[in-house]
């Protein structure tokens, strides 16, 4: 097991979540897309929003794909505040 596996297993146990319901690659890919295409601090916030949506019954992979697509269409700021600044 990796440190990530150990962490997710421990965090899931603490929260009463089945670790099999958590797709770490899906969450990390979404965070990467938001961090690189929108802004870095948006990555953990978006991961949280994904969790809220999934907790309300949304499909994790489909919701992450929708958010990644949104990030991919996000306008790039050229004033120094966006990912190309």
C-alpha atoms as a PDB file:
ATOM      1  CA  UNK A   1       0.000   0.000   0.000  1.00  0.00           C
ATOM      2  CA  UNK A   2       1.054   3.570  -0.599  1.00  0.00           C
ATOM      3  CA  UNK A   3       0.869   6.453   1.836  1.00  0.00           C
ATOM      4  CA  UNK A   4      -2.146   7.699  -0.141  1.00  0.00           C
ATOM      5  CA  UNK A   5      -3.865   4.323   0.238  1.00  0.00           C
ATOM      6  CA  UNK A   6      -3.120   4.324   3.963  1.00  0.00           C
ATOM      7  CA  UNK A   7      -4.414   7.880   4.351  1.00  0.00           C
ATOM      8  CA  UNK A   8      -7.621   7.269   2.388  1.00  0.00           C
ATOM      9  CA  UNK A   9      -8.282   4.073   4.335  1.00  0.00           C
ATOM     10  CA  UNK A  10      -7.752   5.846   7.674  1.00  0.00           C
ATOM     11  CA  UNK A  11      -9.799   8.911   6.672  1.00  0.00           C
ATOM     12  CA  UNK A  12     -12.622   6.712   5.391  1.00  0.00           C
ATOM     13  CA  UNK A  13     -12.617   4.732   8.624  1.00  0.00           C
ATOM     14  CA  UNK A  14     -12.813   7.984  10.597  1.00  0.00           C
ATOM     15  CA  UNK A  15     -15.765   9.180   8.495  1.00  0.00           C
ATOM     16  CA  UNK A  16     -17.567   5.859   8.167  1.00  0.00           C
ATOM     17  CA  UNK A  17     -17.066   5.714   4.398  1.00  0.00           C
ATOM     18  CA  UNK A  18     -16.330   2.585   2.395  1.00  0.00           C
ATOM     19  CA  UNK A  19     -12.885   3.180   0.802  1.00  0.00           C
ATOM     20  CA  UNK A  20     -14.105   1.270  -2.246  1.00  0.00           C
ATOM     21  CA  UNK A  21     -16.462   4.153  -2.977  1.00  0.00           C
ATOM     22  CA  UNK A  22     -13.571   6.615  -3.296  1.00  0.00           C
ATOM     23  CA  UNK A  23     -11.792   6.958  -6.620  1.00  0.00           C
ATOM     24  CA  UNK A  24      -8.579   8.770  -5.772  1.00  0.00           C
ATOM     25  CA  UNK A  25      -7.505   9.120  -9.436  1.00  0.00           C
ATOM     26  CA  UNK A  26     -10.817  10.814 -10.308  1.00  0.00           C
ATOM     27  CA  UNK A  27     -10.410  13.349  -7.501  1.00  0.00           C
ATOM     28  CA  UNK A  28      -6.736  13.998  -8.279  1.00  0.00           C
ATOM     29  CA  UNK A  29      -7.404  14.446 -12.001  1.00  0.00           C
ATOM     30  CA  UNK A  30     -10.180  16.932 -11.240  1.00  0.00           C
ATOM     31  CA  UNK A  31      -7.951  18.841  -8.815  1.00  0.00           C
ATOM     32  CA  UNK A  32      -5.180  18.959 -11.431  1.00  0.00           C
ATOM     33  CA  UNK A  33      -7.543  20.290 -14.090  1.00  0.00           C
ATOM     34  CA  UNK A  34      -8.869  23.033 -11.826  1.00  0.00           C
ATOM     35  CA  UNK A  35      -5.430  23.964 -10.470  1.00  0.00           C
ATOM     36  CA  UNK A  36      -3.941  24.279 -13.953  1.00  0.00           C
ATOM     37  CA  UNK A  37      -6.878  25.718 -15.875  1.00  0.00           C
ATOM     38  CA  UNK A  38      -8.669  27.887 -13.312  1.00  0.00           C
ATOM     39  CA  UNK A  39      -6.564  28.580 -10.201  1.00  0.00           C
ATOM     40  CA  UNK A  40      -4.673  26.514  -7.663  1.00  0.00           C
ATOM     41  CA  UNK A  41      -6.798  27.347  -4.593  1.00  0.00           C
ATOM     42  CA  UNK A  42      -9.837  26.249  -6.581  1.00  0.00           C
ATOM     43  CA  UNK A  43      -8.611  22.642  -6.568  1.00  0.00           C
ATOM     44  CA  UNK A  44      -9.369  21.745  -2.935  1.00  0.00           C
ATOM     45  CA  UNK A  45     -12.581  23.776  -2.996  1.00  0.00           C
ATOM     46  CA  UNK A  46     -13.730  21.925  -6.110  1.00  0.00           C
ATOM     47  CA  UNK A  47     -12.806  18.578  -4.534  1.00  0.00           C
ATOM     48  CA  UNK A  48     -14.986  19.557  -1.580  1.00  0.00           C
ATOM     49  CA  UNK A  49     -17.847  20.535  -3.892  1.00  0.00           C
ATOM     50  CA  UNK A  50     -17.500  17.178  -5.647  1.00  0.00           C
ATOM     51  CA  UNK A  51     -17.803  15.479  -2.267  1.00  0.00           C
ATOM     52  CA  UNK A  52     -20.915  17.467  -1.391  1.00  0.00           C
ATOM     53  CA  UNK A  53     -22.492  16.558  -4.732  1.00  0.00           C
ATOM     54  CA  UNK A  54     -21.623  12.876  -4.326  1.00  0.00           C
ATOM     55  CA  UNK A  55     -22.973  12.951  -0.789  1.00  0.00           C
ATOM     56  CA  UNK A  56     -26.241  14.188  -2.231  1.00  0.00           C
ATOM     57  CA  UNK A  57     -26.368  11.277  -4.646  1.00  0.00           C
ATOM     58  CA  UNK A  58     -24.432  12.433  -7.716  1.00  0.00           C
ATOM     59  CA  UNK A  59     -22.202   9.955  -9.534  1.00  0.00           C
ATOM     60  CA  UNK A  60     -18.571  10.676  -8.633  1.00  0.00           C
ATOM     61  CA  UNK A  61     -17.013  10.021 -12.051  1.00  0.00           C
ATOM     62  CA  UNK A  62     -19.722  11.781 -14.056  1.00  0.00           C
ATOM     63  CA  UNK A  63     -19.727  14.819 -11.777  1.00  0.00           C
ATOM     64  CA  UNK A  64     -15.933  15.061 -11.831  1.00  0.00           C
ATOM     65  CA  UNK A  65     -16.014  14.853 -15.631  1.00  0.00           C
ATOM     66  CA  UNK A  66     -18.540  17.707 -15.787  1.00  0.00           C
ATOM     67  CA  UNK A  67     -16.397  19.862 -13.515  1.00  0.00           C
ATOM     68  CA  UNK A  68     -13.225  19.029 -15.464  1.00  0.00           C
ATOM     69  CA  UNK A  69     -15.005  20.020 -18.660  1.00  0.00           C
ATOM     70  CA  UNK A  70     -16.080  23.291 -17.049  1.00  0.00           C
ATOM     71  CA  UNK A  71     -12.489  23.945 -15.962  1.00  0.00           C
ATOM     72  CA  UNK A  72     -11.313  23.255 -19.504  1.00  0.00           C
ATOM     73  CA  UNK A  73     -13.586  25.951 -20.877  1.00  0.00           C
ATOM     74  CA  UNK A  74     -12.785  28.489 -18.163  1.00  0.00           C
ATOM     75  CA  UNK A  75     -11.455  31.780 -19.582  1.00  0.00           C
ATOM     76  CA  UNK A  76      -7.784  32.386 -18.945  1.00  0.00           C
ATOM     77  CA  UNK A  77      -6.957  35.549 -16.997  1.00  0.00           C
ATOM     78  CA  UNK A  78      -4.022  37.455 -18.479  1.00  0.00           C
ATOM     79  CA  UNK A  79      -3.709  39.964 -15.639  1.00  0.00           C
ATOM     80  CA  UNK A  80      -1.351  37.857 -13.562  1.00  0.00           C
ATOM     81  CA  UNK A  81      -4.038  36.167 -11.478  1.00  0.00           C
ATOM     82  CA  UNK A  82      -4.693  33.162 -13.696  1.00  0.00           C
ATOM     83  CA  UNK A  83      -2.677  30.089 -14.572  1.00  0.00           C
ATOM     84  CA  UNK A  84      -0.744  31.848 -17.364  1.00  0.00           C
ATOM     85  CA  UNK A  85       0.104  34.914 -15.271  1.00  0.00           C
END
